[in-house]
Amino acid sequence: MQLTVVVPTRDEADNIADLVHRLGVALEGVDAEILFVDDSTDDTVAAIHRAATTSALPVRVIHRDRPTGGLGGAVVAGMRAAHANVCVVMDGDLQHPPEVVPELLERFAEGDADVVVASRYAGGGDSEGLDGATRTLVSRVSTMLTKAMFPIRLSGCSDPMTGFFLVDRRRVPLDALRPRGFKILLEILARADLRIAEIGFRFAGRTGGRSKASMQQGMRFLGQLAGLRFGKMSVFAVIGAFGAVANLAIMWALTSVGMSYVWAAILAAEATIIGNFLLQERFVFADMRERASGGWVRFAKSFTFNNAEAALRIPVLALMVETWHISSVLAAGITLAVAFVVRFVFHSLVVYAPQRPGPPSRSRRFIEELDAEMVRPGEL
């Protein structure tokens, strides 16, 4: 079989018939199957069986009485049970248009990718189907934070939070996956070094059922993110905490000898900015330096950003001390804690961002052409 479409469902009975019909039309002539992995408590399974009787494609369903791993666990179960090695994963709520599936398959057929992501943020894509400005903002911020925590693995993916993608399961270590909640693509990309391609798609509005997004799912996502990237961010946090302690110690020492707390905060910030950069180079971002810009450029970016952040933080510090009458040392500690996340995101996405390779130099091209000529087969 050429393709298995894996559809995790939970209480999506209203959308099943339309989804199956549209997939049958979109995949006409493709040797494909539809595999539902269902965690529903309504009559979704009955709706799947009814749709299967008129479907142009074979339809199977796995109902999990005791679902583990949430939607991600359902996807992994579907990939294990698929009859094809090439799997398309999509939601059952019709916000992932079935008509896009042939585009994913066509892009995969080019042979240079292990996973093809249907992205809301790639060329031609949009996220207009998200419910309101708040959910749109949450999606954007979550994507930015995720890419900051995995800047190398996700450098070729503009939408690691999407649930719509094609993957060759032979390239995925299924036993190593630890799915929890919605973001299975993030789990796959973080645990496997895959070649990524993208196509843009328009995220449609929901036509039936109800959204499963909730505060609980948000907390699961944060837990998943921490579990996947705890190492790098924890070291960044330790260095940041060390820098914060050093910052406060320097500030306390300077204010103790009569210096104004504002000037003390400025000098403490400059000293810890330099110290933190050196420690981060060695212990946090060492694996990213080779693909990033040069050392002095990295330092300039880091130093400039941290000074800009400090320039904003110092007035806030003064406001907290002068208006709210908070201890200057306590106020500095609060502002440093808030700055931690902002600093991590900037350093991951900007300071240590992988550089796009430029065109080879003339001397490099000459050497490559000479080498090719030297090993060209001759005639006897």
Protein backbone atom coordinates (compact mmCIF):
# COMPACT_ATOMS: atom_id res chain seq x y z
CA MET A 1 0.00 0.00 0.00
CA GLN A 2 1.27 3.45 -0.92
CA LEU A 3 -0.25 5.59 1.83
CA THR A 4 -2.02 5.37 5.18
CA VAL A 5 -3.93 8.40 6.40
CA VAL A 6 -3.87 8.29 10.20
CA VAL A 7 -6.72 10.26 11.79
CA PRO A 8 -6.82 10.47 15.61
CA THR A 9 -10.36 11.25 16.77
CA ARG A 10 -12.21 12.07 19.95
CA ASP A 11 -15.90 12.94 19.74
CA GLU A 12 -15.84 13.93 16.05
CA ALA A 13 -18.93 12.00 14.84
CA ASP A 14 -20.33 15.05 13.00
CA ASN A 15 -17.27 15.35 10.74
CA ILE A 16 -16.56 11.71 9.82
CA ALA A 17 -18.76 11.28 6.74
CA ASP A 18 -17.53 14.48 5.09
CA LEU A 19 -13.90 13.70 5.92
CA VAL A 20 -14.05 10.18 4.46
CA HIS A 21 -15.80 11.36 1.30
CA ARG A 22 -13.37 14.21 0.68
CA LEU A 23 -10.35 11.96 1.26
CA GLY A 24 -11.76 9.45 -1.23
CA VAL A 25 -12.12 12.15 -3.86
CA ALA A 26 -8.71 13.71 -3.16
CA LEU A 27 -6.87 10.37 -3.26
CA GLU A 28 -8.55 8.89 -6.33
CA GLY A 29 -6.05 6.60 -8.05
CA VAL A 30 -3.80 6.36 -4.98
CA ASP A 31 -3.36 2.99 -3.25
CA ALA A 32 -4.32 4.33 0.18
CA GLU A 33 -6.27 3.56 3.32
CA ILE A 34 -7.84 5.64 6.09
CA LEU A 35 -7.03 4.52 9.63
CA PHE A 36 -8.95 6.12 12.49
CA VAL A 37 -7.56 5.82 16.01
CA ASP A 38 -10.48 6.73 18.20
CA ASP A 39 -10.65 7.76 21.86
CA SER A 40 -14.29 8.90 21.72
CA THR A 41 -17.10 8.55 24.20
CA ASP A 42 -19.79 9.42 21.64
CA ASP A 43 -20.88 7.48 18.53
CA THR A 44 -17.80 8.37 16.45
CA VAL A 45 -16.99 4.68 15.89
CA ALA A 46 -20.50 4.04 14.56
CA ALA A 47 -20.12 7.04 12.25
CA ILE A 48 -16.85 5.61 10.95
CA HIS A 49 -18.45 2.24 10.21
CA ARG A 50 -21.30 3.96 8.35
CA ALA A 51 -18.90 6.07 6.30
CA ALA A 52 -16.81 2.99 5.46
CA THR A 53 -19.73 1.36 3.61
CA THR A 54 -19.70 4.07 0.93
CA SER A 55 -16.03 5.04 1.03
CA ALA A 56 -13.88 4.94 -2.09
CA LEU A 57 -10.94 3.95 0.14
CA PRO A 58 -10.52 1.13 2.66
CA VAL A 59 -11.39 2.38 6.16
CA ARG A 60 -10.24 0.87 9.44
CA VAL A 61 -10.74 1.97 13.04
CA ILE A 62 -8.89 1.23 16.25
CA HIS A 63 -10.89 2.20 19.34
CA ARG A 64 -8.85 2.68 22.49
CA ASP A 65 -10.83 2.05 25.68
CA ARG A 66 -7.85 3.13 27.73
CA PRO A 67 -6.11 5.84 25.70
CA THR A 68 -2.53 6.64 26.67
CA GLY A 69 -0.50 9.58 25.48
CA GLY A 70 -3.50 11.60 24.30
CA LEU A 71 -3.65 12.51 20.64
CA GLY A 72 0.09 11.88 20.27
CA GLY A 73 -0.33 8.37 21.61
CA ALA A 74 -3.16 7.76 19.14
CA VAL A 75 -0.92 8.85 16.26
CA VAL A 76 1.88 6.53 17.34
CA ALA A 77 -0.61 3.64 17.62
CA GLY A 78 -1.86 4.44 14.12
CA MET A 79 1.64 4.55 12.66
CA ARG A 80 2.40 1.16 14.18
CA ALA A 81 -0.79 -0.36 12.74
CA ALA A 82 -0.54 1.29 9.30
CA HIS A 83 -0.37 -0.92 6.21
CA ALA A 84 1.88 1.63 4.46
CA ASN A 85 5.23 3.05 5.53
CA VAL A 86 4.27 6.51 4.31
CA CYS A 87 1.73 8.00 6.71
CA VAL A 88 -0.20 11.25 6.59
CA VAL A 89 -1.34 12.46 10.00
CA MET A 90 -4.30 14.84 10.13
CA ASP A 91 -7.07 15.88 12.49
CA GLY A 92 -10.64 14.70 12.10
CA ASP A 93 -12.25 18.12 12.49
CA LEU A 94 -11.81 19.22 8.82
CA GLN A 95 -9.54 22.10 9.80
CA HIS A 96 -6.90 20.15 7.88
CA PRO A 97 -8.31 20.11 4.33
CA PRO A 98 -8.20 16.60 2.79
CA GLU A 99 -7.48 18.20 -0.58
CA VAL A 100 -3.97 19.06 0.66
CA VAL A 101 -2.99 15.39 1.16
CA PRO A 102 -2.05 14.83 -2.53
CA GLU A 103 0.23 17.89 -2.30
CA LEU A 104 2.03 16.33 0.66
CA LEU A 105 2.41 13.06 -1.25
CA GLU A 106 3.66 14.86 -4.36
CA ARG A 107 6.26 16.81 -2.38
CA PHE A 108 7.44 13.62 -0.66
CA ALA A 109 7.84 11.92 -4.05
CA GLU A 110 10.68 14.35 -4.86
CA GLY A 111 12.79 12.14 -2.59
CA ASP A 112 14.67 14.73 -0.54
CA ALA A 113 12.56 14.70 2.64
CA ASP A 114 11.59 12.28 5.40
CA VAL A 115 8.77 14.45 6.66
CA VAL A 116 6.62 16.98 4.78
CA VAL A 117 4.93 19.53 7.02
CA ALA A 118 1.69 21.26 6.10
CA SER A 119 2.49 24.66 7.56
CA ARG A 120 0.20 27.54 8.43
CA TYR A 121 3.18 29.89 8.23
CA ALA A 122 4.92 28.80 5.01
CA GLY A 123 4.27 30.44 1.65
CA GLY A 124 0.58 30.39 0.79
CA GLY A 125 -0.47 29.25 4.26
CA ASP A 126 -2.48 31.03 6.92
CA SER A 127 -3.99 30.36 10.34
CA GLU A 128 -7.33 32.10 9.90
CA GLY A 129 -9.15 29.04 11.27
CA LEU A 130 -7.80 29.67 14.78
CA ASP A 131 -10.54 30.82 17.13
CA GLY A 132 -9.91 34.48 17.86
CA ALA A 133 -6.92 36.70 18.52
CA THR A 134 -6.04 35.02 21.82
CA ARG A 135 -5.60 31.55 20.33
CA THR A 136 -3.67 33.03 17.41
CA LEU A 137 -1.32 34.81 19.82
CA VAL A 138 -0.88 31.65 21.92
CA SER A 139 -0.07 29.68 18.76
CA ARG A 140 2.52 32.21 17.61
CA VAL A 141 4.20 32.48 21.00
CA SER A 142 4.24 28.68 21.44
CA THR A 143 5.82 28.27 18.00
CA MET A 144 8.47 30.88 18.76
CA LEU A 145 9.31 29.31 22.11
CA THR A 146 9.48 25.82 20.61
CA LYS A 147 11.81 26.90 17.80
CA ALA A 148 13.98 28.70 20.35
CA MET A 149 14.39 25.49 22.33
CA PHE A 150 15.23 23.41 19.23
CA PRO A 151 16.90 25.88 16.88
CA ILE A 152 18.84 23.24 14.90
CA ARG A 153 16.30 20.43 14.66
CA LEU A 154 13.50 22.86 13.79
CA SER A 155 15.49 25.27 11.62
CA GLY A 156 13.70 23.99 8.50
CA CYS A 157 10.21 23.93 10.03
CA SER A 158 8.10 27.06 10.33
CA ASP A 159 5.18 25.29 12.06
CA PRO A 160 6.34 22.54 14.46
CA MET A 161 3.01 22.80 16.30
CA THR A 162 0.91 21.63 13.37
CA GLY A 163 -0.88 18.29 13.48
CA PHE A 164 -0.93 17.93 9.68
CA PHE A 165 2.10 16.24 8.11
CA LEU A 166 3.41 13.30 6.09
CA VAL A 167 6.18 11.11 7.49
CA ASP A 168 8.06 8.00 6.46
CA ARG A 169 7.66 5.86 9.58
CA ARG A 170 10.81 3.91 8.75
CA ARG A 171 12.79 7.02 9.67
CA VAL A 172 11.03 7.52 13.01
CA PRO A 173 12.19 5.70 16.17
CA LEU A 174 8.68 4.83 17.32
CA ASP A 175 9.94 3.07 20.46
CA ALA A 176 11.77 6.23 21.53
CA LEU A 177 8.73 8.50 21.29
CA ARG A 178 7.11 9.62 24.52
CA PRO A 179 3.88 11.21 23.29
CA ARG A 180 1.83 13.37 25.58
CA GLY A 181 -0.95 15.64 24.44
CA PHE A 182 -1.38 17.21 21.01
CA LYS A 183 2.07 18.03 19.67
CA ILE A 184 3.26 14.77 18.14
CA LEU A 185 5.17 16.41 15.29
CA LEU A 186 7.32 18.24 17.82
CA GLU A 187 8.02 14.91 19.54
CA ILE A 188 9.04 13.30 16.24
CA LEU A 189 11.27 16.15 15.05
CA ALA A 190 12.96 16.54 18.44
CA ARG A 191 13.84 12.86 18.76
CA ALA A 192 14.87 12.10 15.16
CA ASP A 193 17.21 13.90 12.78
CA LEU A 194 14.89 14.12 9.76
CA ARG A 195 15.03 15.93 6.45
CA ILE A 196 12.16 18.43 6.49
CA ALA A 197 10.15 19.91 3.63
CA GLU A 198 7.11 22.18 3.85
CA ILE A 199 4.06 23.21 1.92
CA GLY A 200 1.70 26.00 2.91
CA PHE A 201 -1.95 25.34 3.69
CA ARG A 202 -4.93 27.35 4.85
CA PHE A 203 -6.05 26.27 8.31
CA ALA A 204 -9.83 26.03 7.99
CA GLY A 205 -12.48 26.91 10.53
CA ARG A 206 -14.15 24.14 12.52
CA THR A 207 -17.42 22.93 10.99
CA GLY A 208 -18.57 20.49 13.67
CA GLY A 209 -17.72 19.18 17.13
CA ARG A 210 -15.81 21.30 19.59
CA SER A 211 -12.19 22.32 20.07
CA LYS A 212 -10.11 20.20 22.45
CA ALA A 213 -7.78 23.09 23.32
CA SER A 214 -7.76 23.82 27.05
CA MET A 215 -5.58 25.05 29.88
CA GLN A 216 -4.84 21.41 30.72
CA GLN A 217 -3.58 20.79 27.18
CA GLY A 218 -1.47 23.91 27.48
CA MET A 219 0.15 22.59 30.65
CA ARG A 220 0.77 19.24 28.95
CA PHE A 221 2.48 21.06 26.09
CA LEU A 222 4.75 22.91 28.50
CA GLY A 223 5.55 19.63 30.22
CA GLN A 224 6.34 18.03 26.86
CA LEU A 225 8.54 20.94 25.87
CA ALA A 226 10.43 20.83 29.15
CA GLY A 227 10.85 17.07 28.92
CA LEU A 228 12.24 17.25 25.40
CA ARG A 229 14.61 20.16 25.94
CA PHE A 230 15.25 20.16 29.66
CA GLY A 231 18.97 19.75 29.25
CA LYS A 232 19.85 22.90 27.30
CA MET A 233 17.38 25.19 28.99
CA SER A 234 18.27 23.92 32.45
CA VAL A 235 21.95 24.75 31.90
CA PHE A 236 20.92 28.16 30.57
CA ALA A 237 18.83 28.61 33.72
CA VAL A 238 21.72 27.59 35.99
CA ILE A 239 24.04 30.06 34.29
CA GLY A 240 21.33 32.71 34.44
CA ALA A 241 20.82 32.00 38.15
CA PHE A 242 24.57 32.19 38.74
CA GLY A 243 24.66 35.46 36.84
CA ALA A 244 21.70 36.78 38.82
CA VAL A 245 23.43 35.95 42.11
CA ALA A 246 26.62 37.59 40.87
CA ASN A 247 24.62 40.58 39.68
CA LEU A 248 22.95 41.00 43.06
CA ALA A 249 26.24 40.50 44.92
CA ILE A 250 28.00 43.14 42.83
CA MET A 251 25.08 45.51 43.24
CA TRP A 252 24.99 44.96 47.01
CA ALA A 253 28.73 45.55 47.31
CA LEU A 254 28.58 48.77 45.30
CA THR A 255 25.57 50.16 47.14
CA SER A 256 27.25 49.26 50.44
CA VAL A 257 30.10 51.65 49.67
CA GLY A 258 27.69 54.46 48.87
CA MET A 259 27.13 54.14 45.14
CA SER A 260 23.67 54.96 43.76
CA TYR A 261 21.62 51.81 43.21
CA VAL A 262 21.02 52.83 39.57
CA TRP A 263 24.74 53.04 38.77
CA ALA A 264 25.37 49.91 40.79
CA ALA A 265 22.75 48.05 38.75
CA ILE A 266 24.32 49.23 35.48
CA LEU A 267 27.84 48.11 36.43
CA ALA A 268 26.56 44.79 37.79
CA ALA A 269 24.63 44.18 34.58
CA GLU A 270 27.66 44.83 32.34
CA ALA A 271 29.86 42.46 34.32
CA THR A 272 27.32 39.64 34.33
CA ILE A 273 26.44 40.10 30.64
CA ILE A 274 30.03 39.33 29.67
CA GLY A 275 30.37 36.50 32.16
CA ASN A 276 27.11 34.87 31.12
CA PHE A 277 28.06 35.01 27.44
CA LEU A 278 31.34 33.19 28.06
CA LEU A 279 29.63 30.48 30.11
CA GLN A 280 26.82 30.06 27.57
CA GLU A 281 29.33 29.69 24.76
CA ARG A 282 31.01 26.85 26.61
CA PHE A 283 28.16 25.02 28.29
CA VAL A 284 24.85 25.84 26.53
CA PHE A 285 25.34 26.58 22.84
CA ALA A 286 28.62 24.77 22.12
CA ASP A 287 26.85 22.42 19.68
CA MET A 288 25.50 25.40 17.70
CA ARG A 289 28.61 27.56 17.36
CA GLU A 290 29.96 25.85 14.26
CA ARG A 291 26.84 26.63 12.21
CA ALA A 292 26.29 30.09 13.71
CA SER A 293 27.98 33.38 12.85
CA GLY A 294 31.52 34.18 14.04
CA GLY A 295 32.48 34.53 17.68
CA TRP A 296 32.78 38.31 17.70
CA VAL A 297 29.50 38.65 15.83
CA ARG A 298 27.81 36.39 18.38
CA PHE A 299 29.27 38.45 21.20
CA ALA A 300 28.15 41.71 19.57
CA LYS A 301 24.60 40.40 19.14
CA SER A 302 24.46 39.10 22.69
CA PHE A 303 26.06 42.19 24.23
CA THR A 304 23.83 44.60 22.28
CA PHE A 305 20.64 42.71 23.10
CA ASN A 306 21.45 42.32 26.78
CA ASN A 307 22.30 45.99 27.09
CA ALA A 308 19.05 46.92 25.36
CA GLU A 309 17.20 44.60 27.72
CA ALA A 310 19.05 46.12 30.67
CA ALA A 311 18.24 49.62 29.42
CA LEU A 312 14.57 48.67 29.54
CA ARG A 313 14.89 46.76 32.81
CA ILE A 314 16.62 49.56 34.74
CA PRO A 315 13.70 52.05 34.39
CA VAL A 316 11.33 49.27 35.45
CA LEU A 317 13.61 48.63 38.41
CA ALA A 318 13.52 52.33 39.31
CA LEU A 319 9.73 52.36 39.04
CA MET A 320 9.44 49.40 41.40
CA VAL A 321 11.79 51.01 43.93
CA GLU A 322 10.57 54.62 43.79
CA THR A 323 6.83 54.05 43.26
CA TRP A 324 6.13 50.66 44.83
CA HIS A 325 8.83 51.05 47.53
CA ILE A 326 10.26 47.58 46.93
CA SER A 327 13.78 46.82 48.08
CA SER A 328 16.21 47.56 45.25
CA VAL A 329 17.82 44.11 45.51
CA LEU A 330 14.43 42.34 45.50
CA ALA A 331 13.24 44.45 42.55
CA ALA A 332 16.39 43.57 40.62
CA GLY A 333 15.80 39.88 41.33
CA ILE A 334 12.22 40.06 40.00
CA THR A 335 13.22 41.81 36.78
CA LEU A 336 16.07 39.36 36.17
CA ALA A 337 13.66 36.41 36.49
CA VAL A 338 11.32 37.91 33.90
CA ALA A 339 14.24 38.60 31.55
CA PHE A 340 15.36 34.96 31.60
CA VAL A 341 12.84 33.64 29.06
CA VAL A 342 13.31 36.61 26.73
CA ARG A 343 17.08 36.13 26.74
CA PHE A 344 16.87 32.42 26.03
CA VAL A 345 14.53 32.92 23.08
CA PHE A 346 16.73 35.64 21.57
CA HIS A 347 19.98 33.72 21.93
CA SER A 348 18.55 30.54 20.47
CA LEU A 349 16.80 32.17 17.51
CA VAL A 350 19.17 35.04 16.72
CA VAL A 351 22.62 34.81 18.30
CA TYR A 352 23.15 31.13 17.50
CA ALA A 353 20.87 30.83 14.49
CA PRO A 354 22.31 28.52 11.80
CA GLN A 355 23.78 30.51 8.94
CA ARG A 356 22.56 29.79 5.43
CA PRO A 357 25.50 28.64 3.33
CA GLY A 358 26.37 31.11 0.61
CA PRO A 359 27.49 30.29 -2.94
CA PRO A 360 30.95 28.68 -3.13
CA SER A 361 33.88 30.95 -3.87
CA ARG A 362 35.63 30.93 -7.27
CA SER A 363 38.64 29.10 -5.80
CA ARG A 364 36.36 26.48 -4.22
CA ARG A 365 34.56 25.94 -7.55
CA PHE A 366 37.92 25.60 -9.37
CA ILE A 367 39.16 22.96 -6.89
CA GLU A 368 35.88 21.02 -7.15
CA GLU A 369 35.99 21.07 -10.97
CA LEU A 370 39.65 19.98 -10.95
CA ASP A 371 38.87 17.14 -8.56
CA ALA A 372 35.94 16.00 -10.70
CA GLU A 373 38.14 16.01 -13.82
CA MET A 374 40.88 14.00 -12.13
CA VAL A 375 38.54 11.17 -11.19
CA ARG A 376 36.56 11.13 -14.43
CA PRO A 377 36.58 7.63 -16.01
CA GLY A 378 38.97 7.31 -18.94
CA GLU A 379 39.20 4.90 -21.90
CA LEU A 380 41.66 2.06 -22.45
